[in-house]
PDB file of N, CA and C in Angstrom:
ATOM      1  N   UNK A   1      16.019  -4.517  10.814  1.00  0.00           N
ATOM      2  CA  UNK A   1      15.125  -3.612  11.209  1.00  0.00           C
ATOM      3  C   UNK A   1      13.986  -3.476  10.309  1.00  0.00           C
ATOM      4  N   UNK A   2      13.167  -3.293  10.478  1.00  0.00           N
ATOM      5  CA  UNK A   2      12.282  -1.953   8.955  1.00  0.00           C
ATOM      6  C   UNK A   2      13.187  -0.761   8.228  1.00  0.00           C
ATOM      7  N   UNK A   3      12.006  -0.864   6.727  1.00  0.00           N
ATOM      8  CA  UNK A   3      11.958   0.269   6.593  1.00  0.00           C
ATOM      9  C   UNK A   3      11.509   1.643   7.178  1.00  0.00           C
ATOM     10  N   UNK A   4      10.302   0.953   7.788  1.00  0.00           N
ATOM     11  CA  UNK A   4       9.369   1.992   8.437  1.00  0.00           C
ATOM     12  C   UNK A   4      10.254   2.633   9.761  1.00  0.00           C
ATOM     13  N   UNK A   5      10.906   0.830  10.665  1.00  0.00           N
ATOM     14  CA  UNK A   5      11.823   2.282  11.799  1.00  0.00           C
ATOM     15  C   UNK A   5      12.937   3.049  11.516  1.00  0.00           C
ATOM     16  N   UNK A   6      13.657   2.178  10.160  1.00  0.00           N
ATOM     17  CA  UNK A   6      14.622   3.325   9.499  1.00  0.00           C
ATOM     18  C   UNK A   6      14.429   4.933   9.134  1.00  0.00           C
ATOM     19  N   UNK A   7      12.846   5.522   8.594  1.00  0.00           N
ATOM     20  CA  UNK A   7      12.551   6.324   8.368  1.00  0.00           C
ATOM     21  C   UNK A   7      12.362   6.733  10.178  1.00  0.00           C
ATOM     22  N   UNK A   8      11.224   6.502  10.852  1.00  0.00           N
ATOM     23  CA  UNK A   8      11.433   6.584  12.287  1.00  0.00           C
ATOM     24  C   UNK A   8      12.653   7.541  12.962  1.00  0.00           C
ATOM     25  N   UNK A   9      13.418   6.263  12.973  1.00  0.00           N
ATOM     26  CA  UNK A   9      14.677   6.320  13.554  1.00  0.00           C
ATOM     27  C   UNK A   9      14.874   7.905  13.514  1.00  0.00           C
ATOM     28  N   UNK A  10      15.254   8.793  12.243  1.00  0.00           N
ATOM     29  CA  UNK A  10      15.536   9.678  11.559  1.00  0.00           C
ATOM     30  C   UNK A  10      14.848  10.889  11.717  1.00  0.00           C
ATOM     31  N   UNK A  11      14.119  10.969  11.952  1.00  0.00           N
ATOM     32  CA  UNK A  11      12.476  11.951  12.322  1.00  0.00           C
ATOM     33  C   UNK A  11      13.347  13.044  12.612  1.00  0.00           C
ATOM     34  N   UNK A  12      13.204  14.416  12.715  1.00  0.00           N
ATOM     35  CA  UNK A  12      13.233  14.980  13.363  1.00  0.00           C
ATOM     36  C   UNK A  12      12.336  16.496  13.657  1.00  0.00           C
ATOM     37  N   UNK A  13      13.071  17.909  13.475  1.00  0.00           N
ATOM     38  CA  UNK A  13      12.536  19.232  13.081  1.00  0.00           C
ATOM     39  C   UNK A  13      12.558  19.148  11.747  1.00  0.00           C
ATOM     40  N   UNK A  14      13.594  18.910  10.944  1.00  0.00           N
ATOM     41  CA  UNK A  14      14.093  19.101   9.615  1.00  0.00           C
ATOM     42  C   UNK A  14      12.807  17.735   8.725  1.00  0.00           C
ATOM     43  N   UNK A  15      13.230  16.825   9.107  1.00  0.00           N
ATOM     44  CA  UNK A  15      12.401  15.153   8.072  1.00  0.00           C
ATOM     45  C   UNK A  15      11.266  14.634   9.118  1.00  0.00           C
ATOM     46  N   UNK A  16      10.300  14.549   8.576  1.00  0.00           N
ATOM     47  CA  UNK A  16       9.083  14.361   9.385  1.00  0.00           C
ATOM     48  C   UNK A  16       8.220  13.342   7.930  1.00  0.00           C
ATOM     49  N   UNK A  17       7.543  12.972   9.005  1.00  0.00           N
ATOM     50  CA  UNK A  17       7.324  11.722   7.799  1.00  0.00           C
ATOM     51  C   UNK A  17       5.930  12.740   6.605  1.00  0.00           C
ATOM     52  N   UNK A  18       5.623  13.668   6.726  1.00  0.00           N
ATOM     53  CA  UNK A  18       4.522  14.427   5.937  1.00  0.00           C
ATOM     54  C   UNK A  18       5.926  15.759   4.891  1.00  0.00           C
ATOM     55  N   UNK A  19       6.842  15.753   5.857  1.00  0.00           N
ATOM     56  CA  UNK A  19       7.487  16.347   4.434  1.00  0.00           C
ATOM     57  C   UNK A  19       8.464  14.185   3.498  1.00  0.00           C
ATOM     58  N   UNK A  20       8.121  13.624   3.999  1.00  0.00           N
ATOM     59  CA  UNK A  20       9.062  12.504   3.397  1.00  0.00           C
ATOM     60  C   UNK A  20       7.710  12.339   1.908  1.00  0.00           C
ATOM     61  N   UNK A  21       6.793  12.545   2.889  1.00  0.00           N
ATOM     62  CA  UNK A  21       5.387  11.972   1.689  1.00  0.00           C
ATOM     63  C   UNK A  21       5.377  12.682   0.305  1.00  0.00           C
ATOM     64  N   UNK A  22       5.333  14.004   0.834  1.00  0.00           N
ATOM     65  CA  UNK A  22       4.653  15.110  -0.302  1.00  0.00           C
ATOM     66  C   UNK A  22       6.186  15.337  -0.813  1.00  0.00           C
ATOM     67  N   UNK A  23       7.115  15.308  -0.580  1.00  0.00           N
ATOM     68  CA  UNK A  23       8.409  15.703  -1.174  1.00  0.00           C
ATOM     69  C   UNK A  23       8.896  14.646  -2.092  1.00  0.00           C
ATOM     70  N   UNK A  24      10.045  14.009  -1.847  1.00  0.00           N
ATOM     71  CA  UNK A  24      10.115  12.114  -2.384  1.00  0.00           C
ATOM     72  C   UNK A  24      11.502  11.672  -1.379  1.00  0.00           C
ATOM     73  N   UNK A  25      12.034  10.414  -1.604  1.00  0.00           N
ATOM     74  CA  UNK A  25      12.657   9.935  -1.201  1.00  0.00           C
ATOM     75  C   UNK A  25      14.143  10.261  -1.401  1.00  0.00           C
ATOM     76  N   UNK A  26      14.744  10.782  -2.066  1.00  0.00           N
ATOM     77  CA  UNK A  26      15.936  11.370  -3.047  1.00  0.00           C
ATOM     78  C   UNK A  26      16.444  12.287  -1.277  1.00  0.00           C
ATOM     79  N   UNK A  27      15.500  13.394  -0.987  1.00  0.00           N
ATOM     80  CA  UNK A  27      16.091  14.581  -0.366  1.00  0.00           C
ATOM     81  C   UNK A  27      15.966  13.887   0.940  1.00  0.00           C
ATOM     82  N   UNK A  28      15.367  12.387   1.108  1.00  0.00           N
ATOM     83  CA  UNK A  28      15.438  11.715   2.956  1.00  0.00           C
ATOM     84  C   UNK A  28      16.893  11.685   3.049  1.00  0.00           C
ATOM     85  N   UNK A  29      17.445  11.047   2.028  1.00  0.00           N
ATOM     86  CA  UNK A  29      18.514  10.334   2.264  1.00  0.00           C
ATOM     87  C   UNK A  29      19.534  11.739   2.146  1.00  0.00           C
ATOM     88  N   UNK A  30      19.520  12.370   1.458  1.00  0.00           N
ATOM     89  CA  UNK A  30      20.596  13.682   1.798  1.00  0.00           C
ATOM     90  C   UNK A  30      20.790  13.689   3.236  1.00  0.00           C
ATOM     91  N   UNK A  31      18.963  14.597   3.471  1.00  0.00           N
ATOM     92  CA  UNK A  31      19.143  15.270   5.154  1.00  0.00           C
ATOM     93  C   UNK A  31      19.841  13.925   6.058  1.00  0.00           C
ATOM     94  N   UNK A  32      19.144  12.653   6.359  1.00  0.00           N
ATOM     95  CA  UNK A  32      19.690  11.932   6.565  1.00  0.00           C
ATOM     96  C   UNK A  32      20.592  11.181   6.590  1.00  0.00           C
ATOM     97  N   UNK A  33      21.400  11.505   6.194  1.00  0.00           N
ATOM     98  CA  UNK A  33      22.901  10.587   6.109  1.00  0.00           C
ATOM     99  C   UNK A  33      22.997   9.399   5.764  1.00  0.00           C
ATOM    100  N   UNK A  34      22.087   9.149   5.027  1.00  0.00           N
ATOM    101  CA  UNK A  34      22.371   7.430   5.321  1.00  0.00           C
ATOM    102  C   UNK A  34      22.281   7.144   3.618  1.00  0.00           C
ATOM    103  N   UNK A  35      22.962   6.217   2.872  1.00  0.00           N
ATOM    104  CA  UNK A  35      23.496   6.218   1.486  1.00  0.00           C
ATOM    105  C   UNK A  35      22.438   4.708   1.519  1.00  0.00           C
ATOM    106  N   UNK A  36      22.077   5.060   0.217  1.00  0.00           N
ATOM    107  CA  UNK A  36      20.889   4.484  -0.352  1.00  0.00           C
ATOM    108  C   UNK A  36      21.149   2.949  -0.348  1.00  0.00           C
ATOM    109  N   UNK A  37      22.666   2.751  -1.411  1.00  0.00           N
ATOM    110  CA  UNK A  37      23.066   1.231  -1.337  1.00  0.00           C
ATOM    111  C   UNK A  37      22.772   0.447   0.094  1.00  0.00           C
ATOM    112  N   UNK A  38      23.348   0.626   1.036  1.00  0.00           N
ATOM    113  CA  UNK A  38      23.929   0.057   2.340  1.00  0.00           C
ATOM    114  C   UNK A  38      22.322  -0.174   2.698  1.00  0.00           C
ATOM    115  N   UNK A  39      21.446   1.045   2.653  1.00  0.00           N
ATOM    116  CA  UNK A  39      20.028   0.812   2.793  1.00  0.00           C
ATOM    117  C   UNK A  39      19.859  -0.032   2.115  1.00  0.00           C
ATOM    118  N   UNK A  40      19.441  -0.202   0.802  1.00  0.00           N
ATOM    119  CA  UNK A  40      18.793  -0.995  -0.285  1.00  0.00           C
ATOM    120  C   UNK A  40      19.240  -3.153   0.445  1.00  0.00           C
ATOM    121  N   UNK A  41      20.338  -3.078   0.865  1.00  0.00           N
ATOM    122  CA  UNK A  41      21.278  -4.277   0.615  1.00  0.00           C
ATOM    123  C   UNK A  41      20.451  -4.478   2.063  1.00  0.00           C
ATOM    124  N   UNK A  42      20.503  -3.996   3.327  1.00  0.00           N
ATOM    125  CA  UNK A  42      20.022  -3.816   4.374  1.00  0.00           C
ATOM    126  C   UNK A  42      18.262  -4.440   3.871  1.00  0.00           C
ATOM    127  N   UNK A  43      17.457  -3.719   3.318  1.00  0.00           N
ATOM    128  CA  UNK A  43      15.894  -4.243   3.276  1.00  0.00           C
ATOM    129  C   UNK A  43      15.733  -4.395   1.998  1.00  0.00           C
ATOM    130  N   UNK A  44      16.253  -5.242   1.396  1.00  0.00           N
ATOM    131  CA  UNK A  44      15.746  -5.775   0.438  1.00  0.00           C
ATOM    132  C   UNK A  44      14.937  -6.313  -0.437  1.00  0.00           C
ATOM    133  N   UNK A  45      15.245  -7.046   0.891  1.00  0.00           N
ATOM    134  CA  UNK A  45      13.283  -8.536   0.868  1.00  0.00           C
ATOM    135  C   UNK A  45      12.275  -7.529   0.902  1.00  0.00           C
ATOM    136  N   UNK A  46      12.423  -6.821   2.098  1.00  0.00           N
ATOM    137  CA  UNK A  46      10.888  -5.568   2.140  1.00  0.00           C
ATOM    138  C   UNK A  46      10.554  -4.755   0.632  1.00  0.00           C
ATOM    139  N   UNK A  47      11.657  -4.005   0.730  1.00  0.00           N
ATOM    140  CA  UNK A  47      11.942  -3.656  -0.665  1.00  0.00           C
ATOM    141  C   UNK A  47      10.826  -4.276  -2.385  1.00  0.00           C
ATOM    142  N   UNK A  48      11.326  -5.171  -2.307  1.00  0.00           N
ATOM    143  CA  UNK A  48      10.752  -6.230  -3.281  1.00  0.00           C
ATOM    144  C   UNK A  48       9.411  -7.085  -2.345  1.00  0.00           C
ATOM    145  N   UNK A  49       9.312  -6.572  -1.247  1.00  0.00           N
ATOM    146  CA  UNK A  49       8.289  -7.148  -1.573  1.00  0.00           C
ATOM    147  C   UNK A  49       7.133  -5.935  -1.381  1.00  0.00           C
ATOM    148  N   UNK A  50       7.121  -4.906  -1.403  1.00  0.00           N
ATOM    149  CA  UNK A  50       6.669  -3.870  -1.693  1.00  0.00           C
ATOM    150  C   UNK A  50       5.913  -3.619  -2.927  1.00  0.00           C
ATOM    151  N   UNK A  51       7.016  -3.850  -4.273  1.00  0.00           N
ATOM    152  CA  UNK A  51       7.402  -3.442  -5.054  1.00  0.00           C
ATOM    153  C   UNK A  51       5.960  -5.054  -5.981  1.00  0.00           C
ATOM    154  N   UNK A  52       6.539  -6.223  -5.461  1.00  0.00           N
ATOM    155  CA  UNK A  52       4.922  -7.368  -5.927  1.00  0.00           C
ATOM    156  C   UNK A  52       4.295  -6.882  -5.561  1.00  0.00           C
ATOM    157  N   UNK A  53       3.756  -6.158  -4.475  1.00  0.00           N
ATOM    158  CA  UNK A  53       2.554  -5.781  -3.907  1.00  0.00           C
ATOM    159  C   UNK A  53       2.358  -4.976  -4.370  1.00  0.00           C
ATOM    160  N   UNK A  54       2.923  -3.733  -4.721  1.00  0.00           N
ATOM    161  CA  UNK A  54       2.010  -2.876  -6.393  1.00  0.00           C
ATOM    162  C   UNK A  54       1.955  -2.986  -8.183  1.00  0.00           C
ATOM    163  N   UNK A  55       2.161  -4.602  -7.795  1.00  0.00           N
ATOM    164  CA  UNK A  55       2.345  -5.097  -8.917  1.00  0.00           C
ATOM    165  C   UNK A  55       3.497  -5.049  -9.945  1.00  0.00           C
ATOM    166  N   UNK A  56       4.313  -5.421  -9.283  1.00  0.00           N
ATOM    167  CA  UNK A  56       5.561  -5.696 -10.275  1.00  0.00           C
ATOM    168  C   UNK A  56       6.297  -4.004 -10.264  1.00  0.00           C
ATOM    169  N   UNK A  57       7.264  -4.672 -10.728  1.00  0.00           N
ATOM    170  CA  UNK A  57       8.712  -3.243 -10.850  1.00  0.00           C
ATOM    171  C   UNK A  57       8.147  -2.685 -11.973  1.00  0.00           C
ATOM    172  N   UNK A  58       7.396  -2.869 -13.083  1.00  0.00           N
ATOM    173  CA  UNK A  58       7.023  -1.471 -13.843  1.00  0.00           C
ATOM    174  C   UNK A  58       5.805  -0.823 -13.275  1.00  0.00           C
ATOM    175  N   UNK A  59       5.204  -1.724 -12.410  1.00  0.00           N
ATOM    176  CA  UNK A  59       4.260  -1.115 -11.438  1.00  0.00           C
ATOM    177  C   UNK A  59       4.351   0.242 -11.062  1.00  0.00           C
ATOM    178  N   UNK A  60       5.492  -0.496 -10.324  1.00  0.00           N
ATOM    179  CA  UNK A  60       6.346   0.572  -9.289  1.00  0.00           C
ATOM    180  C   UNK A  60       6.884   2.078  -9.421  1.00  0.00           C
ATOM    181  N   UNK A  61       7.459   1.389 -10.509  1.00  0.00           N
ATOM    182  CA  UNK A  61       8.308   2.935 -11.314  1.00  0.00           C
ATOM    183  C   UNK A  61       7.881   3.494 -12.037  1.00  0.00           C
ATOM    184  N   UNK A  62       6.510   3.292 -12.455  1.00  0.00           N
ATOM    185  CA  UNK A  62       5.517   4.226 -13.683  1.00  0.00           C
ATOM    186  C   UNK A  62       5.139   5.180 -12.964  1.00  0.00           C
ATOM    187  N   UNK A  63       4.780   5.194 -11.876  1.00  0.00           N
ATOM    188  CA  UNK A  63       4.091   6.264 -10.992  1.00  0.00           C
ATOM    189  C   UNK A  63       5.246   7.438 -10.794  1.00  0.00           C
ATOM    190  N   UNK A  64       6.460   7.422 -11.236  1.00  0.00           N
ATOM    191  CA  UNK A  64       7.523   8.734 -10.535  1.00  0.00           C
ATOM    192  C   UNK A  64       8.230   8.601 -11.969  1.00  0.00           C
ATOM    193  N   UNK A  65       8.776   9.831 -11.898  1.00  0.00           N
ATOM    194  CA  UNK A  65       9.880  10.385 -13.047  1.00  0.00           C
ATOM    195  C   UNK A  65      11.200   9.912 -12.647  1.00  0.00           C
ATOM    196  N   UNK A  66      11.437   9.346 -11.766  1.00  0.00           N
ATOM    197  CA  UNK A  66      13.307   8.703 -11.125  1.00  0.00           C
ATOM    198  C   UNK A  66      13.492   8.019 -11.690  1.00  0.00           C
ATOM    199  N   UNK A  67      12.800   6.516 -12.766  1.00  0.00           N
ATOM    200  CA  UNK A  67      13.539   5.733 -13.010  1.00  0.00           C
ATOM    201  C   UNK A  67      13.911   6.218 -14.272  1.00  0.00           C
ATOM    202  N   UNK A  68      14.152   7.439 -14.636  1.00  0.00           N
ATOM    203  CA  UNK A  68      15.245   8.199 -15.699  1.00  0.00           C
ATOM    204  C   UNK A  68      16.735   8.776 -15.219  1.00  0.00           C
ATOM    205  N   UNK A  69      16.691   7.820 -14.303  1.00  0.00           N
ATOM    206  CA  UNK A  69      18.413   7.892 -13.571  1.00  0.00           C
ATOM    207  C   UNK A  69      18.703   6.382 -13.553  1.00  0.00           C
ATOM    208  N   UNK A  70      17.995   5.607 -13.579  1.00  0.00           N
ATOM    209  CA  UNK A  70      18.613   4.141 -13.819  1.00  0.00           C
ATOM    210  C   UNK A  70      19.439   4.093 -14.741  1.00  0.00           C
ATOM    211  N   UNK A  71      20.857   3.877 -14.587  1.00  0.00           N
ATOM    212  CA  UNK A  71      21.832   4.129 -15.531  1.00  0.00           C
ATOM    213  C   UNK A  71      22.203   2.217 -15.502  1.00  0.00           C
ATOM    214  N   UNK A  72      22.310   2.492 -14.013  1.00  0.00           N
ATOM    215  CA  UNK A  72      23.266   1.213 -14.256  1.00  0.00           C
ATOM    216  C   UNK A  72      22.707   0.106 -12.497  1.00  0.00           C
ATOM    217  N   UNK A  73      23.251  -1.081 -12.018  1.00  0.00           N
ATOM    218  CA  UNK A  73      23.053  -1.494 -10.874  1.00  0.00           C
ATOM    219  C   UNK A  73      23.096  -1.003  -9.672  1.00  0.00           C
ATOM    220  N   UNK A  74      23.762  -0.467  -9.708  1.00  0.00           N
ATOM    221  CA  UNK A  74      23.833   0.771  -8.529  1.00  0.00           C
ATOM    222  C   UNK A  74      22.639   2.246  -8.494  1.00  0.00           C
ATOM    223  N   UNK A  75      22.169   2.631  -9.338  1.00  0.00           N
ATOM    224  CA  UNK A  75      21.146   3.354  -9.658  1.00  0.00           C
ATOM    225  C   UNK A  75      20.237   3.071  -9.206  1.00  0.00           C
ATOM    226  N   UNK A  76      20.135   1.843  -9.785  1.00  0.00           N
ATOM    227  CA  UNK A  76      18.537   0.838  -9.800  1.00  0.00           C
ATOM    228  C   UNK A  76      18.484   0.902  -8.119  1.00  0.00           C
ATOM    229  N   UNK A  77      19.539   0.239  -7.770  1.00  0.00           N
ATOM    230  CA  UNK A  77      19.232  -0.041  -5.927  1.00  0.00           C
ATOM    231  C   UNK A  77      18.792   1.522  -5.368  1.00  0.00           C
ATOM    232  N   UNK A  78      19.486   2.501  -5.827  1.00  0.00           N
ATOM    233  CA  UNK A  78      18.699   3.507  -5.323  1.00  0.00           C
ATOM    234  C   UNK A  78      17.954   4.460  -5.424  1.00  0.00           C
ATOM    235  N   UNK A  79      17.088   4.454  -6.944  1.00  0.00           N
ATOM    236  CA  UNK A  79      16.193   4.667  -6.693  1.00  0.00           C
ATOM    237  C   UNK A  79      15.041   3.938  -5.927  1.00  0.00           C
ATOM    238  N   UNK A  80      15.243   2.940  -5.977  1.00  0.00           N
ATOM    239  CA  UNK A  80      14.608   1.639  -5.538  1.00  0.00           C
ATOM    240  C   UNK A  80      14.682   1.849  -3.239  1.00  0.00           C
ATOM    241  N   UNK A  81      15.314   2.642  -3.000  1.00  0.00           N
ATOM    242  CA  UNK A  81      15.585   3.037  -2.351  1.00  0.00           C
ATOM    243  C   UNK A  81      14.382   3.933  -1.718  1.00  0.00           C
ATOM    244  N   UNK A  82      14.498   5.076  -2.731  1.00  0.00           N
ATOM    245  CA  UNK A  82      14.254   6.672  -2.510  1.00  0.00           C
ATOM    246  C   UNK A  82      12.430   5.897  -2.724  1.00  0.00           C
ATOM    247  N   UNK A  83      12.229   5.633  -3.396  1.00  0.00           N
ATOM    248  CA  UNK A  83      10.479   4.645  -3.759  1.00  0.00           C
ATOM    249  C   UNK A  83      10.180   4.581  -2.624  1.00  0.00           C
ATOM    250  N   UNK A  84      10.914   3.484  -2.262  1.00  0.00           N
ATOM    251  CA  UNK A  84      10.381   2.848  -0.832  1.00  0.00           C
ATOM    252  C   UNK A  84      10.068   3.435   0.013  1.00  0.00           C
ATOM    253  N   UNK A  85      11.169   4.627   0.595  1.00  0.00           N
ATOM    254  CA  UNK A  85      10.996   4.855   1.893  1.00  0.00           C
ATOM    255  C   UNK A  85      10.063   5.984   1.893  1.00  0.00           C
ATOM    256  N   UNK A  86       9.659   6.676  -0.251  1.00  0.00           N
ATOM    257  CA  UNK A  86       8.479   7.415   0.112  1.00  0.00           C
ATOM    258  C   UNK A  86       6.890   6.946   0.227  1.00  0.00           C
ATOM    259  N   UNK A  87       6.924   5.722  -0.607  1.00  0.00           N
ATOM    260  CA  UNK A  87       5.909   5.162  -0.488  1.00  0.00           C
ATOM    261  C   UNK A  87       5.437   4.766   1.159  1.00  0.00           C
ATOM    262  N   UNK A  88       6.625   4.030   1.913  1.00  0.00           N
ATOM    263  CA  UNK A  88       6.422   3.461   3.333  1.00  0.00           C
ATOM    264  C   UNK A  88       5.872   5.345   4.273  1.00  0.00           C
ATOM    265  N   UNK A  89       6.613   6.079   3.965  1.00  0.00           N
ATOM    266  CA  UNK A  89       6.536   7.455   4.937  1.00  0.00           C
ATOM    267  C   UNK A  89       4.808   8.152   4.151  1.00  0.00           C
ATOM    268  N   UNK A  90       4.223   7.839   3.216  1.00  0.00           N
ATOM    269  CA  UNK A  90       2.808   7.733   2.226  1.00  0.00           C
ATOM    270  C   UNK A  90       1.917   6.901   2.830  1.00  0.00           C
ATOM    271  N   UNK A  91       1.972   6.039   3.343  1.00  0.00           N
ATOM    272  CA  UNK A  91       1.048   5.226   4.173  1.00  0.00           C
ATOM    273  C   UNK A  91       0.917   5.615   5.569  1.00  0.00           C
ATOM    274  N   UNK A  92       2.411   5.550   6.343  1.00  0.00           N
ATOM    275  CA  UNK A  92       2.529   6.074   7.584  1.00  0.00           C
ATOM    276  C   UNK A  92       1.461   7.062   7.547  1.00  0.00           C
ATOM    277  N   UNK A  93       1.247   8.101   6.817  1.00  0.00           N
ATOM    278  CA  UNK A  93       0.464   9.328   6.714  1.00  0.00           C
ATOM    279  C   UNK A  93      -0.929   9.127   6.783  1.00  0.00           C
ATOM    280  N   UNK A  94      -1.228   8.390   5.646  1.00  0.00           N
ATOM    281  CA  UNK A  94      -2.550   7.998   5.483  1.00  0.00           C
ATOM    282  C   UNK A  94      -2.744   6.788   6.413  1.00  0.00           C
ATOM    283  N   UNK A  95      -2.315   6.503   7.666  1.00  0.00           N
ATOM    284  CA  UNK A  95      -2.687   5.562   8.614  1.00  0.00           C
ATOM    285  C   UNK A  95      -3.084   6.940   9.543  1.00  0.00           C
ATOM    286  N   UNK A  96      -2.229   7.790   9.261  1.00  0.00           N
ATOM    287  CA  UNK A  96      -2.482   8.617  10.853  1.00  0.00           C
ATOM    288  C   UNK A  96      -3.062   9.393  10.983  1.00  0.00           C
ATOM    289  N   UNK A  97      -3.606   9.828   9.913  1.00  0.00           N
ATOM    290  CA  UNK A  97      -4.944  10.570   8.800  1.00  0.00           C
ATOM    291  C   UNK A  97      -5.541  10.119   8.578  1.00  0.00           C
ATOM    292  N   UNK A  98      -5.941   8.650   8.771  1.00  0.00           N
ATOM    293  CA  UNK A  98      -7.339   7.868   8.776  1.00  0.00           C
ATOM    294  C   UNK A  98      -7.984   7.882  10.017  1.00  0.00           C
TER     295      UNK A  98
END
């Protein structure tokens, strides 16, 4: 399953693409009930493709303040899950509105 499909599977009246794109991936996980670590493990390959396509890990992380929460491997995976969901939602939103 792709990240996009996982997001679309959780869309409802409270969780919309616009809401995810305009807020953040953190809230998406809280509202959807998905576990960030399980999500990361399931989507690791796609997450790293996104990171590499965006110029690498430093460039991917520098556009968000969530990197301040990275303390260990678990928090690193959590942050990458948050940011990848937000990134995909923003891409979906851009493609719908263009």
